[in-house]
Amino acid sequence: SDLVSRIMEVDISTLSFAQLNSIKNQLDQEVQYLATAMAKLKAVQQKFVASKDSVSKLSSDCAGKEILLPLTSSMYVPARFASHSNGVLVDIGTGYFVEKTFDEACAYFDRKIDFLAKQLDDIQGPLLGKSKNRDAVASMMRLRVQQLAAAQAQLKGSAGGSSATAKN
């Protein structure tokens, strides 16, 4: 954050093509990193949403009812709710589980979903800013290429005109 506050605005029209290319490559990497981070956070958030949805469908009157219990993402076994069940075990990370009531589990998942939403919002701004900067640099690079092509065409035109005059 200190580094970000020390970065000054630069007039990209004064930079060389090589400098523009270097900046564009750096911005490409940063945009890719932030986009990947956002995708990972969204995936985790969706897992919490799915967990909350599952828990919200449960209640203490589920005792004795049959369910399919996932062993893996593609394998399930039939199971029955315990007759004294009034809650669930929630994985809180690094192999730790905490017993919570259904309402407590839903509240826990809500907090996690909200936390991740804030993290996503915090990434969204810098991602958009870097994307705009990258687009501006790419636009300036295209302008430089067009200017170079026009200058070369003008040189060929004036060189062609002087050689025609020399023949006469």
Protein backbone atom coordinates (compact mmCIF):
# COMPACT_ATOMS: atom_id res chain seq x y z
CA SER A 1 0.00 0.00 0.00
CA ASP A 2 2.91 2.40 0.66
CA LEU A 3 4.35 1.51 -2.72
CA VAL A 4 1.02 2.21 -4.38
CA SER A 5 0.81 5.62 -2.71
CA ARG A 6 4.33 6.48 -3.94
CA ILE A 7 3.60 5.67 -7.58
CA MET A 8 3.22 8.84 -9.60
CA GLU A 9 1.05 9.32 -12.63
CA VAL A 10 3.00 9.20 -15.87
CA ASP A 11 2.02 10.76 -19.19
CA ILE A 12 2.19 7.66 -21.38
CA SER A 13 2.42 9.76 -24.53
CA THR A 14 5.99 10.68 -23.50
CA LEU A 15 7.16 7.06 -23.14
CA SER A 16 9.01 5.06 -25.77
CA PHE A 17 7.42 2.02 -27.40
CA ALA A 18 9.74 -0.27 -25.41
CA GLN A 19 8.69 1.40 -22.14
CA LEU A 20 5.04 1.12 -23.11
CA ASN A 21 5.50 -2.55 -23.93
CA SER A 22 7.20 -3.18 -20.59
CA ILE A 23 4.40 -1.42 -18.69
CA LYS A 24 1.75 -3.31 -20.66
CA ASN A 25 3.40 -6.65 -19.87
CA GLN A 26 3.53 -5.75 -16.17
CA LEU A 27 -0.14 -4.69 -16.19
CA ASP A 28 -1.08 -7.90 -18.03
CA GLN A 29 0.55 -9.94 -15.25
CA GLU A 30 -1.13 -7.92 -12.51
CA VAL A 31 -4.56 -8.14 -14.16
CA GLN A 32 -4.11 -11.91 -14.60
CA TYR A 33 -3.08 -12.31 -10.94
CA LEU A 34 -6.05 -10.30 -9.65
CA ALA A 35 -8.49 -12.07 -11.97
CA THR A 36 -7.21 -15.45 -10.78
CA ALA A 37 -7.50 -14.35 -7.14
CA MET A 38 -11.08 -13.21 -7.76
CA ALA A 39 -11.99 -16.52 -9.41
CA LYS A 40 -10.56 -18.47 -6.47
CA LEU A 41 -12.40 -16.31 -3.92
CA LYS A 42 -15.65 -16.71 -5.85
CA ALA A 43 -15.20 -20.49 -5.90
CA VAL A 44 -14.66 -20.56 -2.13
CA GLN A 45 -17.63 -18.26 -1.63
CA GLN A 46 -19.84 -20.60 -3.69
CA LYS A 47 -18.78 -23.52 -1.48
CA PHE A 48 -19.90 -21.58 1.60
CA VAL A 49 -23.19 -20.71 -0.14
CA ALA A 50 -23.75 -24.39 -0.96
CA SER A 51 -22.91 -25.38 2.63
CA LYS A 52 -25.34 -22.79 4.00
CA ASP A 53 -28.06 -24.00 1.63
CA SER A 54 -27.51 -27.58 2.78
CA VAL A 55 -27.60 -26.68 6.46
CA SER A 56 -30.64 -24.44 6.05
CA LYS A 57 -32.59 -27.43 4.68
CA LEU A 58 -31.84 -29.37 7.86
CA SER A 59 -33.63 -29.05 11.16
CA SER A 60 -33.98 -30.91 14.42
CA ASP A 61 -37.05 -32.70 13.04
CA CYS A 62 -34.77 -34.53 10.60
CA ALA A 63 -33.96 -37.09 13.32
CA GLY A 64 -34.20 -40.61 11.97
CA LYS A 65 -34.65 -39.53 8.36
CA GLU A 66 -32.57 -41.12 5.62
CA ILE A 67 -30.10 -39.05 3.62
CA LEU A 68 -27.33 -39.66 1.13
CA LEU A 69 -24.03 -38.73 2.73
CA PRO A 70 -21.24 -37.68 0.32
CA LEU A 71 -17.97 -39.55 0.78
CA THR A 72 -16.41 -37.90 -2.28
CA SER A 73 -17.76 -35.55 -4.93
CA SER A 74 -19.11 -38.55 -6.85
CA MET A 75 -19.76 -41.21 -4.18
CA TYR A 76 -22.59 -41.21 -1.63
CA VAL A 77 -23.68 -43.67 1.06
CA PRO A 78 -27.12 -43.92 2.64
CA ALA A 79 -27.24 -42.71 6.24
CA ARG A 80 -29.74 -41.75 8.94
CA PHE A 81 -29.78 -38.68 11.11
CA ALA A 82 -29.10 -39.45 14.75
CA SER A 83 -32.19 -39.27 16.91
CA HIS A 84 -30.55 -36.71 19.19
CA SER A 85 -29.13 -34.52 16.41
CA ASN A 86 -29.73 -30.82 16.84
CA GLY A 87 -26.72 -29.55 14.97
CA VAL A 88 -23.84 -30.20 12.63
CA LEU A 89 -20.07 -30.33 12.68
CA VAL A 90 -18.61 -27.40 10.77
CA ASP A 91 -15.11 -27.48 9.27
CA ILE A 92 -13.55 -24.19 10.38
CA GLY A 93 -10.25 -24.86 8.63
CA THR A 94 -6.97 -26.74 9.02
CA GLY A 95 -8.75 -29.90 10.12
CA TYR A 96 -10.68 -28.36 13.02
CA PHE A 97 -14.40 -29.04 13.39
CA VAL A 98 -16.83 -27.27 15.68
CA GLU A 99 -20.28 -28.48 16.67
CA LYS A 100 -22.90 -25.85 15.95
CA THR A 101 -26.65 -25.70 15.95
CA PHE A 102 -28.30 -25.34 12.56
CA ASP A 103 -28.85 -21.61 13.14
CA GLU A 104 -25.27 -21.09 14.35
CA ALA A 105 -23.93 -22.93 11.31
CA CYS A 106 -26.03 -20.75 8.96
CA ALA A 107 -24.79 -17.62 10.76
CA TYR A 108 -21.19 -18.85 10.46
CA PHE A 109 -21.59 -19.41 6.71
CA ASP A 110 -23.24 -15.99 6.34
CA ARG A 111 -20.22 -14.37 8.02
CA LYS A 112 -17.83 -16.23 5.72
CA ILE A 113 -19.87 -15.32 2.62
CA ASP A 114 -19.94 -11.65 3.68
CA PHE A 115 -16.20 -11.65 4.43
CA LEU A 116 -15.43 -13.07 0.99
CA ALA A 117 -17.80 -10.57 -0.66
CA LYS A 118 -15.80 -7.76 0.98
CA GLN A 119 -12.54 -9.31 -0.23
CA LEU A 120 -13.97 -9.52 -3.74
CA ASP A 121 -15.04 -5.86 -3.57
CA ASP A 122 -11.54 -4.91 -2.40
CA ILE A 123 -10.01 -6.63 -5.43
CA GLN A 124 -12.58 -5.35 -7.94
CA GLY A 125 -11.40 -1.71 -7.82
CA PRO A 126 -7.69 -2.36 -8.44
CA LEU A 127 -8.57 -4.92 -11.12
CA LEU A 128 -10.71 -2.41 -13.01
CA GLY A 129 -8.07 0.32 -12.59
CA LYS A 130 -5.27 -1.88 -13.88
CA SER A 131 -7.44 -3.07 -16.77
CA LYS A 132 -8.16 0.55 -17.77
CA ASN A 133 -4.46 1.43 -17.52
CA ARG A 134 -3.51 -1.60 -19.61
CA ASP A 135 -6.09 -0.65 -22.24
CA ALA A 136 -4.77 2.94 -22.32
CA VAL A 137 -1.18 1.71 -22.77
CA ALA A 138 -2.26 -0.73 -25.51
CA SER A 139 -4.14 2.10 -27.25
CA MET A 140 -1.05 4.32 -27.13
CA MET A 141 1.02 1.45 -28.55
CA ARG A 142 -1.43 1.06 -31.45
CA LEU A 143 -1.27 4.82 -32.06
CA ARG A 144 2.55 4.66 -32.15
CA VAL A 145 2.44 1.82 -34.68
CA GLN A 146 -0.02 3.78 -36.85
CA GLN A 147 2.19 6.88 -36.64
CA LEU A 148 5.24 4.85 -37.63
CA ALA A 149 3.40 3.28 -40.57
CA ALA A 150 2.20 6.71 -41.72
CA ALA A 151 5.73 8.16 -41.45
CA GLN A 152 7.15 5.24 -43.45
CA ALA A 153 4.45 5.65 -46.10
CA GLN A 154 5.23 9.36 -46.32
CA LEU A 155 8.94 8.62 -46.68
CA LYS A 156 8.25 6.12 -49.44
CA GLY A 157 5.98 8.64 -51.14
CA SER A 158 8.53 11.44 -51.02
CA ALA A 159 11.36 9.07 -52.02
CA GLY A 160 9.26 7.81 -54.93
CA GLY A 161 8.45 11.38 -56.02
CA SER A 162 12.09 12.53 -55.98
CA SER A 163 13.24 9.52 -57.98
CA ALA A 164 10.56 10.20 -60.60
CA THR A 165 11.74 13.78 -60.85
CA ALA A 166 15.34 12.65 -61.24
CA LYS A 167 14.39 10.49 -64.24
CA ASN A 168 12.89 13.42 -66.10
